[in-house]
Amino acid sequence: MVGDDAEGDVAGALDAGLSSALLVRTGKYRPGDETRFDPRPTAVFNDLAGAADWIVARKK
């Protein structure tokens, strides 16, 4: 899952059982969100392109 809301998107997805949740620093993101909520994001990226590159690299 990829989202810009550390609590609703990322923590929610991980609590629901998804294996990974990526936080992007866009939209609703605020500095420090990556450490503000538990569970924490699997990885953090500046934008969606960075998250997409991470996903593609893991599939190879």
Protein backbone atom coordinates (compact mmCIF):
# COMPACT_ATOMS: atom_id res chain seq x y z
CA MET A 1 0.00 0.00 0.00
CA VAL A 2 1.21 3.53 -0.74
CA GLY A 3 -0.20 6.54 1.04
CA ASP A 4 0.49 10.03 2.33
CA ASP A 5 -1.33 9.63 5.67
CA ALA A 6 0.92 7.87 8.21
CA GLU A 7 -1.93 7.05 10.58
CA GLY A 8 -4.91 6.34 8.34
CA ASP A 9 -3.16 4.88 5.32
CA VAL A 10 0.06 3.33 6.58
CA ALA A 11 -0.72 2.25 10.15
CA GLY A 12 -4.23 1.24 9.09
CA ALA A 13 -2.94 -0.96 6.27
CA LEU A 14 -0.33 -2.64 8.45
CA ASP A 15 -2.87 -3.18 11.26
CA ALA A 16 -5.18 -4.77 8.68
CA GLY A 17 -2.50 -7.31 7.83
CA LEU A 18 -0.89 -5.93 4.67
CA SER A 19 2.76 -6.95 4.43
CA SER A 20 4.08 -3.49 3.60
CA ALA A 21 2.92 0.10 3.61
CA LEU A 22 4.93 2.89 2.04
CA LEU A 23 4.66 6.52 3.13
CA VAL A 24 5.15 9.29 0.58
CA ARG A 25 6.01 12.83 1.65
CA THR A 26 3.22 14.45 -0.35
CA GLY A 27 -0.35 15.60 0.31
CA LYS A 28 -1.30 15.00 3.96
CA TYR A 29 2.26 14.15 5.06
CA ARG A 30 3.77 16.36 7.76
CA PRO A 31 7.43 16.28 8.86
CA GLY A 32 7.94 13.63 11.52
CA ASP A 33 4.89 11.55 10.56
CA GLU A 34 7.11 8.56 9.77
CA THR A 35 7.87 8.14 13.49
CA ARG A 36 4.66 9.52 15.00
CA PHE A 37 2.42 6.47 14.60
CA ASP A 38 2.73 2.72 15.15
CA PRO A 39 3.16 0.58 13.25
CA ARG A 40 5.69 2.60 11.33
CA PRO A 41 5.93 2.65 7.53
CA THR A 42 7.89 -0.07 5.80
CA ALA A 43 9.71 2.65 3.85
CA VAL A 44 9.42 6.41 3.26
CA PHE A 45 9.81 8.21 -0.08
CA ASN A 46 9.73 11.81 -1.25
CA ASP A 47 7.19 11.03 -3.97
CA LEU A 48 5.17 8.35 -5.68
CA ALA A 49 7.89 7.75 -8.27
CA GLY A 50 10.32 6.73 -5.53
CA ALA A 51 7.78 4.36 -4.03
CA ALA A 52 7.08 2.85 -7.47
CA ASP A 53 10.79 2.31 -8.08
CA TRP A 54 11.05 0.49 -4.70
CA ILE A 55 8.09 -1.74 -5.58
CA VAL A 56 9.47 -2.61 -9.02
CA ALA A 57 12.93 -3.35 -7.62
CA ARG A 58 11.47 -5.79 -5.07
CA LYS A 59 9.57 -7.68 -7.77
CA LYS A 60 12.73 -8.47 -9.75
